[in-house]
Amino acid sequence: MIQSFWKTIAFALLLLAVGCDALDPAPEATITKVGGDPPLEQTGKALYERNCANCHGLDGISVSPDVTQMKGWTSTSTGTFGKLDTTMTQGPSGMPRFDTLDTEARMKIYEHMKTL
């Protein structure tokens, strides 16, 4: 009788172990971002901070020229992206060239500079 009891317990444990192994694990959760903000490294602010802020400061007021006073370069009413783009790609005296940044990145920097 005791031997039969242990055989039953062993068989039940075997079924339990096999049954647990056969269960499908829950699928991993995936999050799909729809719309919203672009990744931080692609924003004009992040590009400005990485490429311009060392000289011009986070607020645009540091080494000359003060980019907040460059109205002819950044104001939508009196200037265009073209002058700033030329300056960034050719680099005036003392300023490094940023010709490795594509036009879209330079435009994002320009748009950020208008907010300073």
PDB file of N, CA and C in Angstrom:
ATOM      1  N   MET A   1       0.809  -1.182   0.000  1.00  0.00           N
ATOM      2  CA  MET A   1       0.000   0.000   0.000  1.00  0.00           C
ATOM      3  C   MET A   1       0.862   1.259   0.000  1.00  0.00           C
ATOM      4  N   ILE A   2       1.895   1.303   0.854  1.00  0.00           N
ATOM      5  CA  ILE A   2       2.774   2.470   0.908  1.00  0.00           C
ATOM      6  C   ILE A   2       3.519   2.609  -0.407  1.00  0.00           C
ATOM      7  N   GLN A   3       3.934   1.479  -0.978  1.00  0.00           N
ATOM      8  CA  GLN A   3       4.655   1.519  -2.249  1.00  0.00           C
ATOM      9  C   GLN A   3       3.742   2.079  -3.350  1.00  0.00           C
ATOM     10  N   SER A   4       2.489   1.728  -3.363  1.00  0.00           N
ATOM     11  CA  SER A   4       1.525   2.223  -4.332  1.00  0.00           C
ATOM     12  C   SER A   4       1.317   3.735  -4.157  1.00  0.00           C
ATOM     13  N   PHE A   5       1.292   4.188  -2.907  1.00  0.00           N
ATOM     14  CA  PHE A   5       1.133   5.614  -2.612  1.00  0.00           C
ATOM     15  C   PHE A   5       2.287   6.415  -3.206  1.00  0.00           C
ATOM     16  N   TRP A   6       3.515   5.950  -3.007  1.00  0.00           N
ATOM     17  CA  TRP A   6       4.692   6.665  -3.514  1.00  0.00           C
ATOM     18  C   TRP A   6       4.765   6.621  -5.043  1.00  0.00           C
ATOM     19  N   LYS A   7       4.316   5.530  -5.624  1.00  0.00           N
ATOM     20  CA  LYS A   7       4.269   5.462  -7.088  1.00  0.00           C
ATOM     21  C   LYS A   7       3.272   6.490  -7.632  1.00  0.00           C
ATOM     22  N   THR A   8       2.150   6.630  -6.951  1.00  0.00           N
ATOM     23  CA  THR A   8       1.144   7.602  -7.367  1.00  0.00           C
ATOM     24  C   THR A   8       1.686   9.028  -7.246  1.00  0.00           C
ATOM     25  N   ILE A   9       2.367   9.312  -6.129  1.00  0.00           N
ATOM     26  CA  ILE A   9       2.965  10.635  -5.922  1.00  0.00           C
ATOM     27  C   ILE A   9       4.024  10.908  -6.995  1.00  0.00           C
ATOM     28  N   ALA A  10       4.882   9.921  -7.260  1.00  0.00           N
ATOM     29  CA  ALA A  10       5.939  10.080  -8.262  1.00  0.00           C
ATOM     30  C   ALA A  10       5.331  10.322  -9.641  1.00  0.00           C
ATOM     31  N   PHE A  11       4.279   9.577  -9.976  1.00  0.00           N
ATOM     32  CA  PHE A  11       3.621   9.739 -11.265  1.00  0.00           C
ATOM     33  C   PHE A  11       2.974  11.129 -11.367  1.00  0.00           C
ATOM     34  N   ALA A  12       2.343  11.581 -10.298  1.00  0.00           N
ATOM     35  CA  ALA A  12       1.710  12.901 -10.290  1.00  0.00           C
ATOM     36  C   ALA A  12       2.755  14.003 -10.468  1.00  0.00           C
ATOM     37  N   LEU A  13       3.902  13.873  -9.788  1.00  0.00           N
ATOM     38  CA  LEU A  13       4.977  14.860  -9.936  1.00  0.00           C
ATOM     39  C   LEU A  13       5.537  14.859 -11.355  1.00  0.00           C
ATOM     40  N   LEU A  14       5.650  13.676 -11.941  1.00  0.00           N
ATOM     41  CA  LEU A  14       6.128  13.569 -13.318  1.00  0.00           C
ATOM     42  C   LEU A  14       5.160  14.276 -14.272  1.00  0.00           C
ATOM     43  N   LEU A  15       3.866  14.030 -14.099  1.00  0.00           N
ATOM     44  CA  LEU A  15       2.870  14.699 -14.940  1.00  0.00           C
ATOM     45  C   LEU A  15       2.914  16.216 -14.751  1.00  0.00           C
ATOM     46  N   LEU A  16       3.074  16.637 -13.510  1.00  0.00           N
ATOM     47  CA  LEU A  16       3.151  18.067 -13.222  1.00  0.00           C
ATOM     48  C   LEU A  16       4.368  18.699 -13.898  1.00  0.00           C
ATOM     49  N   ALA A  17       5.514  18.031 -13.806  1.00  0.00           N
ATOM     50  CA  ALA A  17       6.738  18.560 -14.412  1.00  0.00           C
ATOM     51  C   ALA A  17       6.609  18.631 -15.927  1.00  0.00           C
ATOM     52  N   VAL A  18       6.087  17.588 -16.542  1.00  0.00           N
ATOM     53  CA  VAL A  18       5.923  17.569 -17.994  1.00  0.00           C
ATOM     54  C   VAL A  18       4.885  18.607 -18.417  1.00  0.00           C
ATOM     55  N   GLY A  19       3.823  18.724 -17.671  1.00  0.00           N
ATOM     56  CA  GLY A  19       2.777  19.692 -17.989  1.00  0.00           C
ATOM     57  C   GLY A  19       3.267  21.122 -17.896  1.00  0.00           C
ATOM     58  N   CYS A  20       4.071  21.427 -16.889  1.00  0.00           N
ATOM     59  CA  CYS A  20       4.597  22.787 -16.735  1.00  0.00           C
ATOM     60  C   CYS A  20       5.551  23.135 -17.861  1.00  0.00           C
ATOM     61  N   ASP A  21       6.320  22.156 -18.302  1.00  0.00           N
ATOM     62  CA  ASP A  21       7.284  22.396 -19.375  1.00  0.00           C
ATOM     63  C   ASP A  21       6.575  22.619 -20.707  1.00  0.00           C
ATOM     64  N   ALA A  22       5.393  22.057 -20.856  1.00  0.00           N
ATOM     65  CA  ALA A  22       4.678  22.152 -22.123  1.00  0.00           C
ATOM     66  C   ALA A  22       3.961  23.485 -22.295  1.00  0.00           C
ATOM     67  N   LEU A  23       3.782  24.224 -21.223  1.00  0.00           N
ATOM     68  CA  LEU A  23       3.089  25.506 -21.330  1.00  0.00           C
ATOM     69  C   LEU A  23       3.922  26.502 -22.122  1.00  0.00           C
ATOM     70  N   ASP A  24       3.264  27.226 -22.995  1.00  0.00           N
ATOM     71  CA  ASP A  24       3.964  28.268 -23.744  1.00  0.00           C
ATOM     72  C   ASP A  24       4.255  29.433 -22.811  1.00  0.00           C
ATOM     73  N   PRO A  25       5.465  29.954 -22.875  1.00  0.00           N
ATOM     74  CA  PRO A  25       5.755  31.128 -22.052  1.00  0.00           C
ATOM     75  C   PRO A  25       4.981  32.330 -22.597  1.00  0.00           C
ATOM     76  N   ALA A  26       4.715  33.258 -21.736  1.00  0.00           N
ATOM     77  CA  ALA A  26       4.016  34.474 -22.163  1.00  0.00           C
ATOM     78  C   ALA A  26       4.898  35.231 -23.153  1.00  0.00           C
ATOM     79  N   PRO A  27       4.310  35.775 -24.206  1.00  0.00           N
ATOM     80  CA  PRO A  27       5.126  36.535 -25.165  1.00  0.00           C
ATOM     81  C   PRO A  27       5.699  37.783 -24.503  1.00  0.00           C
ATOM     82  N   GLU A  28       6.874  38.173 -24.970  1.00  0.00           N
ATOM     83  CA  GLU A  28       7.506  39.368 -24.427  1.00  0.00           C
ATOM     84  C   GLU A  28       6.717  40.590 -24.863  1.00  0.00           C
ATOM     85  N   ALA A  29       6.583  41.512 -23.955  1.00  0.00           N
ATOM     86  CA  ALA A  29       5.863  42.744 -24.265  1.00  0.00           C
ATOM     87  C   ALA A  29       6.698  43.596 -25.211  1.00  0.00           C
ATOM     88  N   THR A  30       6.054  44.141 -26.205  1.00  0.00           N
ATOM     89  CA  THR A  30       6.738  45.062 -27.110  1.00  0.00           C
ATOM     90  C   THR A  30       5.991  46.386 -27.084  1.00  0.00           C
ATOM     91  N   ILE A  31       6.757  47.449 -27.107  1.00  0.00           N
ATOM     92  CA  ILE A  31       6.173  48.781 -27.093  1.00  0.00           C
ATOM     93  C   ILE A  31       6.522  49.453 -28.408  1.00  0.00           C
ATOM     94  N   THR A  32       5.516  49.836 -29.128  1.00  0.00           N
ATOM     95  CA  THR A  32       5.717  50.537 -30.387  1.00  0.00           C
ATOM     96  C   THR A  32       5.326  51.990 -30.180  1.00  0.00           C
ATOM     97  N   LYS A  33       6.299  52.874 -30.373  1.00  0.00           N
ATOM     98  CA  LYS A  33       6.032  54.300 -30.202  1.00  0.00           C
ATOM     99  C   LYS A  33       5.431  54.833 -31.494  1.00  0.00           C
ATOM    100  N   VAL A  34       4.303  55.461 -31.371  1.00  0.00           N
ATOM    101  CA  VAL A  34       3.625  56.033 -32.524  1.00  0.00           C
ATOM    102  C   VAL A  34       3.631  57.546 -32.365  1.00  0.00           C
ATOM    103  N   GLY A  35       4.211  58.223 -33.327  1.00  0.00           N
ATOM    104  CA  GLY A  35       4.250  59.685 -33.275  1.00  0.00           C
ATOM    105  C   GLY A  35       5.099  60.173 -32.122  1.00  0.00           C
ATOM    106  N   GLY A  36       4.754  61.313 -31.603  1.00  0.00           N
ATOM    107  CA  GLY A  36       5.469  61.855 -30.454  1.00  0.00           C
ATOM    108  C   GLY A  36       6.754  62.546 -30.848  1.00  0.00           C
ATOM    109  N   ASP A  37       7.566  62.807 -29.851  1.00  0.00           N
ATOM    110  CA  ASP A  37       8.817  63.520 -30.055  1.00  0.00           C
ATOM    111  C   ASP A  37       9.863  62.630 -30.702  1.00  0.00           C
ATOM    112  N   PRO A  38      10.756  63.225 -31.500  1.00  0.00           N
ATOM    113  CA  PRO A  38      11.856  62.441 -32.059  1.00  0.00           C
ATOM    114  C   PRO A  38      12.827  62.081 -30.949  1.00  0.00           C
ATOM    115  N   PRO A  39      13.657  61.072 -31.174  1.00  0.00           N
ATOM    116  CA  PRO A  39      14.668  60.754 -30.168  1.00  0.00           C
ATOM    117  C   PRO A  39      15.500  61.988 -29.847  1.00  0.00           C
ATOM    118  N   LEU A  40      15.935  62.090 -28.603  1.00  0.00           N
ATOM    119  CA  LEU A  40      16.623  63.290 -28.134  1.00  0.00           C
ATOM    120  C   LEU A  40      17.817  63.660 -29.003  1.00  0.00           C
ATOM    121  N   GLU A  41      18.594  62.659 -29.457  1.00  0.00           N
ATOM    122  CA  GLU A  41      19.803  62.979 -30.221  1.00  0.00           C
ATOM    123  C   GLU A  41      19.498  63.605 -31.572  1.00  0.00           C
ATOM    124  N   GLN A  42      18.230  63.591 -31.995  1.00  0.00           N
ATOM    125  CA  GLN A  42      17.863  64.156 -33.287  1.00  0.00           C
ATOM    126  C   GLN A  42      17.203  65.529 -33.176  1.00  0.00           C
ATOM    127  N   THR A  43      17.046  66.048 -31.984  1.00  0.00           N
ATOM    128  CA  THR A  43      16.393  67.347 -31.845  1.00  0.00           C
ATOM    129  C   THR A  43      17.386  68.465 -32.113  1.00  0.00           C
ATOM    130  N   GLY A  44      16.865  69.620 -32.510  1.00  0.00           N
ATOM    131  CA  GLY A  44      17.723  70.782 -32.744  1.00  0.00           C
ATOM    132  C   GLY A  44      18.479  71.179 -31.497  1.00  0.00           C
ATOM    133  N   LYS A  45      17.809  71.098 -30.356  1.00  0.00           N
ATOM    134  CA  LYS A  45      18.455  71.459 -29.095  1.00  0.00           C
ATOM    135  C   LYS A  45      19.649  70.543 -28.824  1.00  0.00           C
ATOM    136  N   ALA A  46      19.461  69.242 -28.985  1.00  0.00           N
ATOM    137  CA  ALA A  46      20.556  68.299 -28.737  1.00  0.00           C
ATOM    138  C   ALA A  46      21.696  68.508 -29.729  1.00  0.00           C
ATOM    139  N   LEU A  47      21.361  68.752 -30.989  1.00  0.00           N
ATOM    140  CA  LEU A  47      22.393  69.004 -31.998  1.00  0.00           C
ATOM    141  C   LEU A  47      23.148  70.289 -31.684  1.00  0.00           C
ATOM    142  N   TYR A  48      22.427  71.326 -31.264  1.00  0.00           N
ATOM    143  CA  TYR A  48      23.069  72.592 -30.885  1.00  0.00           C
ATOM    144  C   TYR A  48      24.002  72.362 -29.693  1.00  0.00           C
ATOM    145  N   GLU A  49      23.503  71.657 -28.679  1.00  0.00           N
ATOM    146  CA  GLU A  49      24.320  71.416 -27.482  1.00  0.00           C
ATOM    147  C   GLU A  49      25.588  70.642 -27.821  1.00  0.00           C
ATOM    148  N   ARG A  50      25.481  69.685 -28.732  1.00  0.00           N
ATOM    149  CA  ARG A  50      26.629  68.850 -29.088  1.00  0.00           C
ATOM    150  C   ARG A  50      27.618  69.579 -30.004  1.00  0.00           C
ATOM    151  N   ASN A  51      27.122  70.452 -30.874  1.00  0.00           N
ATOM    152  CA  ASN A  51      27.987  71.048 -31.892  1.00  0.00           C
ATOM    153  C   ASN A  51      28.299  72.528 -31.703  1.00  0.00           C
ATOM    154  N   CYS A  52      27.469  73.259 -30.982  1.00  0.00           N
ATOM    155  CA  CYS A  52      27.612  74.716 -30.921  1.00  0.00           C
ATOM    156  C   CYS A  52      27.837  75.261 -29.515  1.00  0.00           C
ATOM    157  N   ALA A  53      27.269  74.599 -28.520  1.00  0.00           N
ATOM    158  CA  ALA A  53      27.246  75.155 -27.162  1.00  0.00           C
ATOM    159  C   ALA A  53      28.624  75.291 -26.534  1.00  0.00           C
ATOM    160  N   ASN A  54      29.602  74.508 -26.970  1.00  0.00           N
ATOM    161  CA  ASN A  54      30.944  74.646 -26.389  1.00  0.00           C
ATOM    162  C   ASN A  54      31.486  76.057 -26.578  1.00  0.00           C
ATOM    163  N   CYS A  55      31.190  76.666 -27.690  1.00  0.00           N
ATOM    164  CA  CYS A  55      31.663  78.035 -27.946  1.00  0.00           C
ATOM    165  C   CYS A  55      30.582  79.080 -27.684  1.00  0.00           C
ATOM    166  N   HIS A  56      29.352  78.779 -28.096  1.00  0.00           N
ATOM    167  CA  HIS A  56      28.289  79.779 -28.028  1.00  0.00           C
ATOM    168  C   HIS A  56      27.445  79.680 -26.759  1.00  0.00           C
ATOM    169  N   GLY A  57      27.696  78.689 -25.924  1.00  0.00           N
ATOM    170  CA  GLY A  57      26.948  78.540 -24.677  1.00  0.00           C
ATOM    171  C   GLY A  57      25.574  77.926 -24.891  1.00  0.00           C
ATOM    172  N   LEU A  58      25.043  77.310 -23.841  1.00  0.00           N
ATOM    173  CA  LEU A  58      23.722  76.695 -23.932  1.00  0.00           C
ATOM    174  C   LEU A  58      22.636  77.720 -24.231  1.00  0.00           C
ATOM    175  N   ASP A  59      22.844  78.941 -23.761  1.00  0.00           N
ATOM    176  CA  ASP A  59      21.849  79.992 -23.974  1.00  0.00           C
ATOM    177  C   ASP A  59      22.173  80.874 -25.176  1.00  0.00           C
ATOM    178  N   GLY A  60      23.250  80.551 -25.903  1.00  0.00           N
ATOM    179  CA  GLY A  60      23.639  81.328 -27.083  1.00  0.00           C
ATOM    180  C   GLY A  60      24.459  82.556 -26.767  1.00  0.00           C
ATOM    181  N   ILE A  61      24.727  82.789 -25.492  1.00  0.00           N
ATOM    182  CA  ILE A  61      25.466  83.991 -25.075  1.00  0.00           C
ATOM    183  C   ILE A  61      26.777  83.537 -24.451  1.00  0.00           C
ATOM    184  N   SER A  62      27.818  83.504 -25.235  1.00  0.00           N
ATOM    185  CA  SER A  62      29.129  83.123 -24.711  1.00  0.00           C
ATOM    186  C   SER A  62      30.178  83.757 -25.591  1.00  0.00           C
ATOM    187  N   VAL A  63      30.891  82.952 -26.334  1.00  0.00           N
ATOM    188  CA  VAL A  63      31.919  83.458 -27.237  1.00  0.00           C
ATOM    189  C   VAL A  63      31.243  84.226 -28.369  1.00  0.00           C
ATOM    190  N   SER A  64      31.863  85.316 -28.774  1.00  0.00           N
ATOM    191  CA  SER A  64      31.326  86.126 -29.857  1.00  0.00           C
ATOM    192  C   SER A  64      31.308  85.303 -31.143  1.00  0.00           C
ATOM    193  N   PRO A  65      30.322  85.393 -31.983  1.00  0.00           N
ATOM    194  CA  PRO A  65      29.184  86.273 -31.800  1.00  0.00           C
ATOM    195  C   PRO A  65      28.110  85.633 -30.919  1.00  0.00           C
ATOM    196  N   ASP A  66      27.421  86.487 -30.230  1.00  0.00           N
ATOM    197  CA  ASP A  66      26.289  86.104 -29.397  1.00  0.00           C
ATOM    198  C   ASP A  66      25.171  85.691 -30.355  1.00  0.00           C
ATOM    199  N   VAL A  67      24.848  84.412 -30.401  1.00  0.00           N
ATOM    200  CA  VAL A  67      23.882  83.949 -31.404  1.00  0.00           C
ATOM    201  C   VAL A  67      22.477  84.484 -31.174  1.00  0.00           C
ATOM    202  N   THR A  68      22.193  84.971 -29.978  1.00  0.00           N
ATOM    203  CA  THR A  68      20.867  85.559 -29.762  1.00  0.00           C
ATOM    204  C   THR A  68      20.753  86.927 -30.423  1.00  0.00           C
ATOM    205  N   GLN A  69      21.894  87.526 -30.786  1.00  0.00           N
ATOM    206  CA  GLN A  69      21.893  88.836 -31.447  1.00  0.00           C
ATOM    207  C   GLN A  69      22.102  88.719 -32.956  1.00  0.00           C
ATOM    208  N   MET A  70      22.141  87.517 -33.472  1.00  0.00           N
ATOM    209  CA  MET A  70      22.368  87.309 -34.899  1.00  0.00           C
ATOM    210  C   MET A  70      21.031  87.359 -35.634  1.00  0.00           C
ATOM    211  N   LYS A  71      20.319  88.451 -35.470  1.00  0.00           N
ATOM    212  CA  LYS A  71      18.966  88.558 -36.016  1.00  0.00           C
ATOM    213  C   LYS A  71      18.924  88.381 -37.526  1.00  0.00           C
ATOM    214  N   GLY A  72      19.927  88.884 -38.207  1.00  0.00           N
ATOM    215  CA  GLY A  72      19.944  88.727 -39.655  1.00  0.00           C
ATOM    216  C   GLY A  72      20.154  87.288 -40.089  1.00  0.00           C
ATOM    217  N   TRP A  73      20.577  86.449 -39.152  1.00  0.00           N
ATOM    218  CA  TRP A  73      20.838  85.055 -39.488  1.00  0.00           C
ATOM    219  C   TRP A  73      19.710  84.146 -39.050  1.00  0.00           C
ATOM    220  N   THR A  74      19.082  84.496 -37.946  1.00  0.00           N
ATOM    221  CA  THR A  74      18.107  83.562 -37.396  1.00  0.00           C
ATOM    222  C   THR A  74      16.677  84.062 -37.400  1.00  0.00           C
ATOM    223  N   SER A  75      16.465  85.336 -37.556  1.00  0.00           N
ATOM    224  CA  SER A  75      15.105  85.865 -37.542  1.00  0.00           C
ATOM    225  C   SER A  75      14.385  85.466 -38.821  1.00  0.00           C
ATOM    226  N   THR A  76      13.188  84.972 -38.675  1.00  0.00           N
ATOM    227  CA  THR A  76      12.437  84.570 -39.866  1.00  0.00           C
ATOM    228  C   THR A  76      12.026  85.773 -40.701  1.00  0.00           C
ATOM    229  N   SER A  77      11.937  86.942 -40.079  1.00  0.00           N
ATOM    230  CA  SER A  77      11.497  88.113 -40.839  1.00  0.00           C
ATOM    231  C   SER A  77      12.646  88.824 -41.544  1.00  0.00           C
ATOM    232  N   THR A  78      13.862  88.756 -40.984  1.00  0.00           N
ATOM    233  CA  THR A  78      14.959  89.521 -41.583  1.00  0.00           C
ATOM    234  C   THR A  78      16.086  88.664 -42.138  1.00  0.00           C
ATOM    235  N   GLY A  79      16.064  87.393 -41.909  1.00  0.00           N
ATOM    236  CA  GLY A  79      17.168  86.564 -42.375  1.00  0.00           C
ATOM    237  C   GLY A  79      16.685  85.222 -42.869  1.00  0.00           C
ATOM    238  N   THR A  80      17.627  84.447 -43.343  1.00  0.00           N
ATOM    239  CA  THR A  80      17.274  83.137 -43.864  1.00  0.00           C
ATOM    240  C   THR A  80      18.226  82.094 -43.316  1.00  0.00           C
ATOM    241  N   PHE A  81      17.832  80.882 -43.501  1.00  0.00           N
ATOM    242  CA  PHE A  81      18.675  79.758 -43.124  1.00  0.00           C
ATOM    243  C   PHE A  81      19.960  79.754 -43.947  1.00  0.00           C
ATOM    244  N   GLY A  82      19.911  80.272 -45.151  1.00  0.00           N
ATOM    245  CA  GLY A  82      21.055  80.232 -46.061  1.00  0.00           C
ATOM    246  C   GLY A  82      22.330  80.823 -45.501  1.00  0.00           C
ATOM    247  N   LYS A  83      22.250  81.994 -44.876  1.00  0.00           N
ATOM    248  CA  LYS A  83      23.458  82.633 -44.345  1.00  0.00           C
ATOM    249  C   LYS A  83      24.059  81.800 -43.213  1.00  0.00           C
ATOM    250  N   LEU A  84      23.212  81.309 -42.322  1.00  0.00           N
ATOM    251  CA  LEU A  84      23.705  80.475 -41.226  1.00  0.00           C
ATOM    252  C   LEU A  84      24.262  79.164 -41.772  1.00  0.00           C
ATOM    253  N   ASP A  85      23.587  78.595 -42.761  1.00  0.00           N
ATOM    254  CA  ASP A  85      24.040  77.340 -43.352  1.00  0.00           C
ATOM    255  C   ASP A  85      25.417  77.509 -43.983  1.00  0.00           C
ATOM    256  N   THR A  86      25.623  78.598 -44.704  1.00  0.00           N
ATOM    257  CA  THR A  86      26.932  78.866 -45.308  1.00  0.00           C
ATOM    258  C   THR A  86      27.997  79.017 -44.231  1.00  0.00           C
ATOM    259  N   THR A  87      27.666  79.743 -43.178  1.00  0.00           N
ATOM    260  CA  THR A  87      28.618  79.938 -42.080  1.00  0.00           C
ATOM    261  C   THR A  87      28.976  78.605 -41.438  1.00  0.00           C
ATOM    262  N   MET A  88      27.977  77.750 -41.232  1.00  0.00           N
ATOM    263  CA  MET A  88      28.240  76.459 -40.590  1.00  0.00           C
ATOM    264  C   MET A  88      29.064  75.532 -41.480  1.00  0.00           C
ATOM    265  N   THR A  89      28.801  75.534 -42.770  1.00  0.00           N
ATOM    266  CA  THR A  89      29.507  74.603 -43.652  1.00  0.00           C
ATOM    267  C   THR A  89      30.890  75.095 -44.051  1.00  0.00           C
ATOM    268  N   GLN A  90      31.097  76.419 -44.114  1.00  0.00           N
ATOM    269  CA  GLN A  90      32.398  76.944 -44.520  1.00  0.00           C
ATOM    270  C   GLN A  90      33.258  77.356 -43.338  1.00  0.00           C
ATOM    271  N   GLY A  91      32.625  77.668 -42.218  1.00  0.00           N
ATOM    272  CA  GLY A  91      33.371  78.048 -41.023  1.00  0.00           C
ATOM    273  C   GLY A  91      34.166  79.321 -41.207  1.00  0.00           C
ATOM    274  N   PRO A  92      33.699  80.447 -40.647  1.00  0.00           N
ATOM    275  CA  PRO A  92      34.475  81.681 -40.744  1.00  0.00           C
ATOM    276  C   PRO A  92      35.742  81.573 -39.903  1.00  0.00           C
ATOM    277  N   SER A  93      36.562  82.574 -39.949  1.00  0.00           N
ATOM    278  CA  SER A  93      37.819  82.582 -39.206  1.00  0.00           C
ATOM    279  C   SER A  93      37.592  82.229 -37.740  1.00  0.00           C
ATOM    280  N   GLY A  94      38.272  81.195 -37.291  1.00  0.00           N
ATOM    281  CA  GLY A  94      38.193  80.780 -35.893  1.00  0.00           C
ATOM    282  C   GLY A  94      37.073  79.811 -35.572  1.00  0.00           C
ATOM    283  N   MET A  95      36.155  79.601 -36.498  1.00  0.00           N
ATOM    284  CA  MET A  95      35.039  78.682 -36.246  1.00  0.00           C
ATOM    285  C   MET A  95      35.255  77.407 -37.049  1.00  0.00           C
ATOM    286  N   PRO A  96      35.082  76.248 -36.417  1.00  0.00           N
ATOM    287  CA  PRO A  96      35.234  75.001 -37.180  1.00  0.00           C
ATOM    288  C   PRO A  96      34.104  74.845 -38.195  1.00  0.00           C
ATOM    289  N   ARG A  97      34.380  74.085 -39.221  1.00  0.00           N
ATOM    290  CA  ARG A  97      33.365  73.795 -40.234  1.00  0.00           C
ATOM    291  C   ARG A  97      32.478  72.659 -39.736  1.00  0.00           C
ATOM    292  N   PHE A  98      31.210  72.750 -40.040  1.00  0.00           N
ATOM    293  CA  PHE A  98      30.260  71.698 -39.684  1.00  0.00           C
ATOM    294  C   PHE A  98      29.649  71.100 -40.945  1.00  0.00           C
ATOM    295  N   ASP A  99      30.492  70.901 -41.962  1.00  0.00           N
ATOM    296  CA  ASP A  99      30.011  70.361 -43.224  1.00  0.00           C
ATOM    297  C   ASP A  99      29.705  68.870 -43.147  1.00  0.00           C
ATOM    298  N   THR A 100      30.047  68.225 -42.030  1.00  0.00           N
ATOM    299  CA  THR A 100      29.704  66.811 -41.874  1.00  0.00           C
ATOM    300  C   THR A 100      28.255  66.642 -41.416  1.00  0.00           C
ATOM    301  N   LEU A 101      27.645  67.713 -40.911  1.00  0.00           N
ATOM    302  CA  LEU A 101      26.226  67.661 -40.552  1.00  0.00           C
ATOM    303  C   LEU A 101      25.405  67.805 -41.826  1.00  0.00           C
ATOM    304  N   ASP A 102      24.384  66.985 -41.975  1.00  0.00           N
ATOM    305  CA  ASP A 102      23.555  67.119 -43.173  1.00  0.00           C
ATOM    306  C   ASP A 102      22.653  68.351 -43.056  1.00  0.00           C
ATOM    307  N   THR A 103      22.044  68.714 -44.159  1.00  0.00           N
ATOM    308  CA  THR A 103      21.221  69.925 -44.206  1.00  0.00           C
ATOM    309  C   THR A 103      20.086  69.863 -43.191  1.00  0.00           C
ATOM    310  N   GLU A 104      19.486  68.698 -43.022  1.00  0.00           N
ATOM    311  CA  GLU A 104      18.386  68.561 -42.064  1.00  0.00           C
ATOM    312  C   GLU A 104      18.862  68.863 -40.641  1.00  0.00           C
ATOM    313  N   ALA A 105      20.033  68.364 -40.275  1.00  0.00           N
ATOM    314  CA  ALA A 105      20.578  68.625 -38.936  1.00  0.00           C
ATOM    315  C   ALA A 105      20.887  70.110 -38.764  1.00  0.00           C
ATOM    316  N   ARG A 106      21.471  70.734 -39.785  1.00  0.00           N
ATOM    317  CA  ARG A 106      21.771  72.168 -39.695  1.00  0.00           C
ATOM    318  C   ARG A 106      20.488  72.990 -39.589  1.00  0.00           C
ATOM    319  N   MET A 107      19.436  72.563 -40.286  1.00  0.00           N
ATOM    320  CA  MET A 107      18.145  73.252 -40.201  1.00  0.00           C
ATOM    321  C   MET A 107      17.566  73.116 -38.789  1.00  0.00           C
ATOM    322  N   LYS A 108      17.716  71.958 -38.178  1.00  0.00           N
ATOM    323  CA  LYS A 108      17.224  71.774 -36.806  1.00  0.00           C
ATOM    324  C   LYS A 108      17.981  72.676 -35.836  1.00  0.00           C
ATOM    325  N   ILE A 109      19.284  72.813 -36.041  1.00  0.00           N
ATOM    326  CA  ILE A 109      20.076  73.728 -35.205  1.00  0.00           C
ATOM    327  C   ILE A 109      19.579  75.155 -35.405  1.00  0.00           C
ATOM    328  N   TYR A 110      19.363  75.540 -36.649  1.00  0.00           N
ATOM    329  CA  TYR A 110      18.850  76.873 -36.986  1.00  0.00           C
ATOM    330  C   TYR A 110      17.515  77.135 -36.281  1.00  0.00           C
ATOM    331  N   GLU A 111      16.614  76.171 -36.348  1.00  0.00           N
ATOM    332  CA  GLU A 111      15.305  76.338 -35.706  1.00  0.00           C
ATOM    333  C   GLU A 111      15.467  76.481 -34.194  1.00  0.00           C
ATOM    334  N   HIS A 112      16.393  75.732 -33.606  1.00  0.00           N
ATOM    335  CA  HIS A 112      16.627  75.858 -32.164  1.00  0.00           C
ATOM    336  C   HIS A 112      17.219  77.226 -31.829  1.00  0.00           C
ATOM    337  N   MET A 113      18.145  77.696 -32.653  1.00  0.00           N
ATOM    338  CA  MET A 113      18.775  78.997 -32.389  1.00  0.00           C
ATOM    339  C   MET A 113      17.746  80.125 -32.375  1.00  0.00           C
ATOM    340  N   LYS A 114      16.682  79.999 -33.147  1.00  0.00           N
ATOM    341  CA  LYS A 114      15.644  81.034 -33.165  1.00  0.00           C
ATOM    342  C   LYS A 114      14.901  81.104 -31.833  1.00  0.00           C
ATOM    343  N   THR A 115      14.999  80.053 -31.025  1.00  0.00           N
ATOM    344  CA  THR A 115      14.311  80.055 -29.728  1.00  0.00           C
ATOM    345  C   THR A 115      15.169  80.634 -28.614  1.00  0.00           C
ATOM    346  N   LEU A 116      16.445  80.896 -28.894  1.00  0.00           N
ATOM    347  CA  LEU A 116      17.339  81.391 -27.840  1.00  0.00           C
ATOM    348  C   LEU A 116      17.129  82.873 -27.589  1.00  0.00           C
TER     349      LEU A 116
END
